[in-house]
Amino acid sequence: LRSNFRSAVFEISDNNNHMLRLRKDVSFLNKAIIKAKLEAIPPNAYLLIDTTRAEFIDRDIVEEINDFLCHAHLKNIKVEMKKSPFKRNQYQFQEPTPNN
């Protein structure tokens, strides 16, 4: 359980470019980590949220990401979602706002 908890969320940053990759099973237990990582993205940044390696994403996680997508433009954060072409309808992520 501890291994899955840690490995479900991977983050990498390079200057003002950030990537948040969700891997394997992302449960509600990861919500606090994901929320903290999203809140730590600085203004005027670029963020790629990569869900292509996730087998399962809990509804709480989808809601947290959607909330971030709705408000990212307030910090002038450009967000790009990378989803698996094989899992298109599995998760109901919103499209980033027009400013993103």
Protein backbone atom coordinates (compact mmCIF):
# COMPACT_ATOMS: atom_id res chain seq x y z
CA LEU A 1 0.00 0.00 0.00
CA ARG A 2 2.77 2.45 0.93
CA SER A 3 4.58 1.79 -2.36
CA ASN A 4 1.42 2.38 -4.41
CA PHE A 5 0.67 5.52 -2.40
CA ARG A 6 4.06 7.02 -3.23
CA SER A 7 4.35 5.88 -6.83
CA ALA A 8 0.88 6.96 -7.96
CA VAL A 9 1.93 10.61 -8.38
CA PHE A 10 5.15 11.74 -10.02
CA GLU A 11 6.16 15.38 -10.42
CA ILE A 12 9.00 16.98 -12.32
CA SER A 13 9.79 20.67 -12.68
CA ASP A 14 12.19 22.55 -14.91
CA ASN A 15 12.14 26.30 -14.40
CA ASN A 16 8.54 27.31 -15.10
CA ASN A 17 7.57 24.03 -16.78
CA HIS A 18 5.95 21.37 -14.64
CA MET A 19 4.63 17.86 -15.25
CA LEU A 20 2.34 15.92 -12.96
CA ARG A 21 2.09 12.27 -14.01
CA LEU A 22 -0.54 9.97 -12.54
CA ARG A 23 0.49 6.32 -12.58
CA LYS A 24 -1.24 3.02 -11.93
CA ASP A 25 -4.01 3.42 -9.32
CA VAL A 26 -4.66 6.94 -8.05
CA SER A 27 -7.04 6.67 -5.11
CA PHE A 28 -8.62 9.20 -2.77
CA LEU A 29 -5.61 8.61 -0.49
CA ASN A 30 -3.54 10.62 -2.98
CA LYS A 31 -5.89 13.63 -2.94
CA ALA A 32 -3.93 15.68 -0.39
CA ILE A 33 -0.65 15.11 -2.26
CA ILE A 34 -2.16 16.06 -5.61
CA LYS A 35 -3.88 19.12 -4.15
CA ALA A 36 -0.61 20.30 -2.57
CA LYS A 37 1.34 19.76 -5.80
CA LEU A 38 -1.26 21.66 -7.84
CA GLU A 39 -1.37 24.54 -5.35
CA ALA A 40 2.44 24.75 -5.47
CA ILE A 41 2.45 25.51 -9.21
CA PRO A 42 3.61 29.13 -9.44
CA PRO A 43 1.84 31.86 -11.43
CA ASN A 44 2.69 32.15 -15.14
CA ALA A 45 3.74 28.50 -15.33
CA TYR A 46 3.04 25.71 -17.80
CA LEU A 47 1.67 22.43 -16.41
CA LEU A 48 1.27 19.13 -18.22
CA ILE A 49 -1.02 16.68 -16.43
CA ASP A 50 -0.27 13.22 -17.84
CA THR A 51 -2.85 10.53 -17.09
CA THR A 52 -1.77 8.08 -19.80
CA ARG A 53 -0.21 5.62 -17.34
CA ALA A 54 -3.09 5.60 -14.86
CA GLU A 55 -5.17 2.44 -14.74
CA PHE A 56 -7.64 3.89 -12.25
CA ILE A 57 -8.28 7.46 -11.08
CA ASP A 58 -10.67 7.97 -8.18
CA ARG A 59 -13.55 10.40 -8.66
CA ASP A 60 -12.16 12.62 -5.86
CA ILE A 61 -8.94 13.03 -7.85
CA VAL A 62 -10.84 13.90 -11.03
CA GLU A 63 -12.80 16.55 -9.09
CA GLU A 64 -9.59 18.00 -7.63
CA ILE A 65 -7.99 18.26 -11.07
CA ASN A 66 -11.16 19.73 -12.58
CA ASP A 67 -11.26 22.36 -9.84
CA PHE A 68 -7.66 23.27 -10.63
CA LEU A 69 -8.44 23.43 -14.37
CA CYS A 70 -11.30 25.86 -13.68
CA HIS A 71 -9.12 28.22 -11.66
CA ALA A 72 -5.67 27.92 -13.26
CA HIS A 73 -6.30 30.93 -15.48
CA LEU A 74 -6.53 33.13 -12.36
CA LYS A 75 -2.80 32.48 -11.82
CA ASN A 76 -2.10 32.59 -15.57
CA ILE A 77 -1.14 28.90 -15.55
CA LYS A 78 -1.30 27.20 -18.93
CA VAL A 79 -2.50 23.62 -18.50
CA GLU A 80 -2.36 20.77 -20.97
CA MET A 81 -4.00 17.40 -20.33
CA LYS A 82 -2.43 14.29 -21.82
CA LYS A 83 -4.91 11.42 -21.83
CA SER A 84 -4.68 7.91 -23.16
CA PRO A 85 -6.44 7.52 -26.52
CA PHE A 86 -7.61 4.12 -25.28
CA LYS A 87 -9.38 5.51 -22.19
CA ARG A 88 -11.12 8.58 -23.63
CA ASN A 89 -14.43 8.28 -21.82
CA GLN A 90 -13.15 6.71 -18.62
CA TYR A 91 -12.54 9.98 -16.75
CA GLN A 92 -14.58 13.15 -17.04
CA PHE A 93 -11.84 15.77 -17.03
CA GLN A 94 -12.87 19.26 -18.04
CA GLU A 95 -11.08 21.01 -20.84
CA PRO A 96 -8.70 23.73 -19.64
CA THR A 97 -10.24 27.21 -19.76
CA PRO A 98 -9.67 29.25 -22.96
CA ASN A 99 -6.82 31.21 -21.35
CA ASN A 100 -5.01 27.92 -20.84
